C-alpha atoms as a PDB file:
ATOM      1  CA  MET A   1      -0.098   0.211  -0.507  1.00  0.00           C
ATOM      2  CA  GLU A   2       1.022   3.387  -0.644  1.00  0.00           C
ATOM      3  CA  ALA A   3       1.461   5.560   1.887  1.00  0.00           C
ATOM      4  CA  HIS A   4      -0.401   9.077   2.302  1.00  0.00           C
ATOM      5  CA  ALA A   5      -0.653  11.271   4.698  1.00  0.00           C
ATOM      6  CA  ILE A   6      -3.300  14.432   5.933  1.00  0.00           C
ATOM      7  CA  ARG A   7      -2.595  17.349   7.814  1.00  0.00           C
ATOM      8  CA  GLU A   8      -4.909  19.140   9.420  1.00  0.00           C
ATOM      9  CA  MET A   9      -5.119  21.267  11.669  1.00  0.00           C
ATOM     10  CA  THR A  10      -8.327  21.305  14.186  1.00  0.00           C
ATOM     11  CA  HIS A  11      -9.090  23.486  17.502  1.00  0.00           C
ATOM     12  CA  VAL A  12      -9.862  20.712  20.438  1.00  0.00           C
ATOM     13  CA  ALA A  13     -13.834  21.609  22.053  1.00  0.00           C
ATOM     14  CA  ASN A  14     -14.999  19.111  25.064  1.00  0.00           C
ATOM     15  CA  ARG A  15     -11.770  17.261  23.996  1.00  0.00           C
ATOM     16  CA  ARG A  16     -13.368  16.382  21.291  1.00  0.00           C
ATOM     17  CA  ILE A  17     -12.033  16.107  17.950  1.00  0.00           C
ATOM     18  CA  SER A  18     -13.820  15.889  14.845  1.00  0.00           C
ATOM     19  CA  LEU A  19     -11.902  15.977  11.513  1.00  0.00           C
ATOM     20  CA  PRO A  20     -12.375  15.029   7.613  1.00  0.00           C
ATOM     21  CA  VAL A  21     -11.120  12.214   6.014  1.00  0.00           C
ATOM     22  CA  PRO A  22     -11.429  11.270   2.183  1.00  0.00           C
ATOM     23  CA  SER A  23     -13.630   8.636   0.677  1.00  0.00           C
ATOM     24  CA  TRP A  24     -10.164   6.603   0.128  1.00  0.00           C
ATOM     25  CA  LEU A  25      -9.744   6.128   3.786  1.00  0.00           C
ATOM     26  CA  ASP A  26     -13.565   4.206   4.374  1.00  0.00           C
ATOM     27  CA  ASN A  27     -13.061   0.878   5.995  1.00  0.00           C
ATOM     28  CA  GLN A  28      -9.687   1.300   6.792  1.00  0.00           C
ATOM     29  CA  ASP A  29      -7.588   1.616  10.045  1.00  0.00           C
ATOM     30  CA  VAL A  30      -5.819   4.991  10.242  1.00  0.00           C
ATOM     31  CA  GLU A  31      -3.277   5.679  12.559  1.00  0.00           C
ATOM     32  CA  VAL A  32      -3.742   9.394  13.767  1.00  0.00           C
ATOM     33  CA  ILE A  33      -1.382  11.641  16.214  1.00  0.00           C
ATOM     34  CA  VAL A  34      -2.107  14.479  17.661  1.00  0.00           C
ATOM     35  CA  LEU A  35       0.414  17.724  18.253  1.00  0.00           C
ATOM     36  CA  PRO A  36      -0.286  20.545  21.106  1.00  0.00           C
ATOM     37  CA  GLN A  37       0.021  23.137  17.931  1.00  0.00           C
ATOM     38  CA  GLU A  38       2.558  25.045  18.497  1.00  0.00           C
ATOM     39  CA  SER A  39       1.990  28.741  17.201  1.00  0.00           C
ATOM     40  CA  ASN A  40       0.883  31.413  19.922  1.00  0.00           C
ATOM     41  CA  GLU A  41      -2.155  32.380  17.282  1.00  0.00           C
ATOM     42  CA  PRO A  42      -5.524  30.058  18.340  1.00  0.00           C
ATOM     43  CA  THR A  43      -6.644  28.012  15.236  1.00  0.00           C
ATOM     44  CA  GLN A  44     -10.186  30.046  14.783  1.00  0.00           C
ATOM     45  CA  PRO A  45     -12.445  27.262  14.622  1.00  0.00           C
ATOM     46  CA  GLY A  46     -14.949  26.790  11.889  1.00  0.00           C
ATOM     47  CA  LYS A  47     -12.437  28.610   9.551  1.00  0.00           C
ATOM     48  CA  LYS A  48     -11.640  25.862   6.207  1.00  0.00           C
ATOM     49  CA  ARG A  49      -8.728  25.527   4.954  1.00  0.00           C
ATOM     50  CA  LYS A  50      -8.450  25.004   0.759  1.00  0.00           C
ATOM     51  CA  PRO A  51      -7.791  21.842   0.469  1.00  0.00           C
ATOM     52  CA  ASN A  52      -4.578  21.026  -2.474  1.00  0.00           C
ATOM     53  CA  LEU A  53      -3.597  24.731  -2.221  1.00  0.00           C
ATOM     54  CA  LEU A  54      -0.103  23.671  -4.781  1.00  0.00           C
ATOM     55  CA  ALA A  55      -2.307  20.283  -6.675  1.00  0.00           C
ATOM     56  CA  GLU A  56      -2.510  22.554  -9.889  1.00  0.00           C
ATOM     57  CA  ARG A  57       1.763  23.123  -9.712  1.00  0.00           C
ATOM     58  CA  GLY A  58       1.894  19.328 -10.897  1.00  0.00           C
ATOM     59  CA  SER A  59       3.937  16.389  -8.879  1.00  0.00           C
ATOM     60  CA  VAL A  60       7.086  16.582  -6.614  1.00  0.00           C
ATOM     61  CA  THR A  61      10.152  15.309  -8.611  1.00  0.00           C
ATOM     62  CA  MET A  62      13.808  14.603  -7.006  1.00  0.00           C
ATOM     63  CA  SER A  63      17.045  14.906  -9.150  1.00  0.00           C
ATOM     64  CA  GLU A  64      18.761  12.026  -9.720  1.00  0.00           C
ATOM     65  CA  ASP A  65      21.609  12.539  -7.002  1.00  0.00           C
ATOM     66  CA  PHE A  66      18.636  13.325  -3.847  1.00  0.00           C
ATOM     67  CA  ASP A  67      19.731   9.840  -2.269  1.00  0.00           C
ATOM     68  CA  ASP A  68      23.261  10.240  -3.351  1.00  0.00           C
ATOM     69  CA  GLU A  69      25.427  10.767   0.201  1.00  0.00           C
ATOM     70  CA  LEU A  70      26.185  14.378   1.115  1.00  0.00           C
ATOM     71  CA  PRO A  71      30.079  15.796   0.625  1.00  0.00           C
ATOM     72  CA  GLU A  72      31.759  15.741   4.134  1.00  0.00           C
ATOM     73  CA  SER A  73      32.025  19.395   3.640  1.00  0.00           C
ATOM     74  CA  PHE A  74      28.402  19.127   4.055  1.00  0.00           C
ATOM     75  CA  TRP A  75      29.007  17.572   7.517  1.00  0.00           C
ATOM     76  CA  LEU A  76      31.858  19.649   8.761  1.00  0.00           C
ATOM     77  CA  GLY A  77      30.082  23.014   7.262  1.00  0.00           C
ATOM     78  CA  GLU A  78      32.468  24.394   4.721  1.00  0.00           C
ATOM     79  CA  ASP A  79      31.329  26.085   1.438  1.00  0.00           C
ATOM     80  CA  ASP A  80      32.407  23.324  -1.099  1.00  0.00           C
ATOM     81  CA  ASP A  81      32.009  25.954  -3.967  1.00  0.00           C
ATOM     82  CA  GLY A  82      35.490  27.833  -3.193  1.00  0.00           C
END
């Protein structure tokens, strides 16, 4: 199964959280991880986010050397461009 992730910012009310989920998750087991929001600004209940904001930009592609080992200069904080 291909891994997917959904990030949803929401407000806890009466110690409960309600999350919308896509139809492809129907009848599947899921893991839910709850993290406190790190911002000092509270999430506004009822404020809707625009889903798939960047969907029209296309797929993300990685360079061929993405998984290659980083050079020693990277780990030493040196500028290897001269």
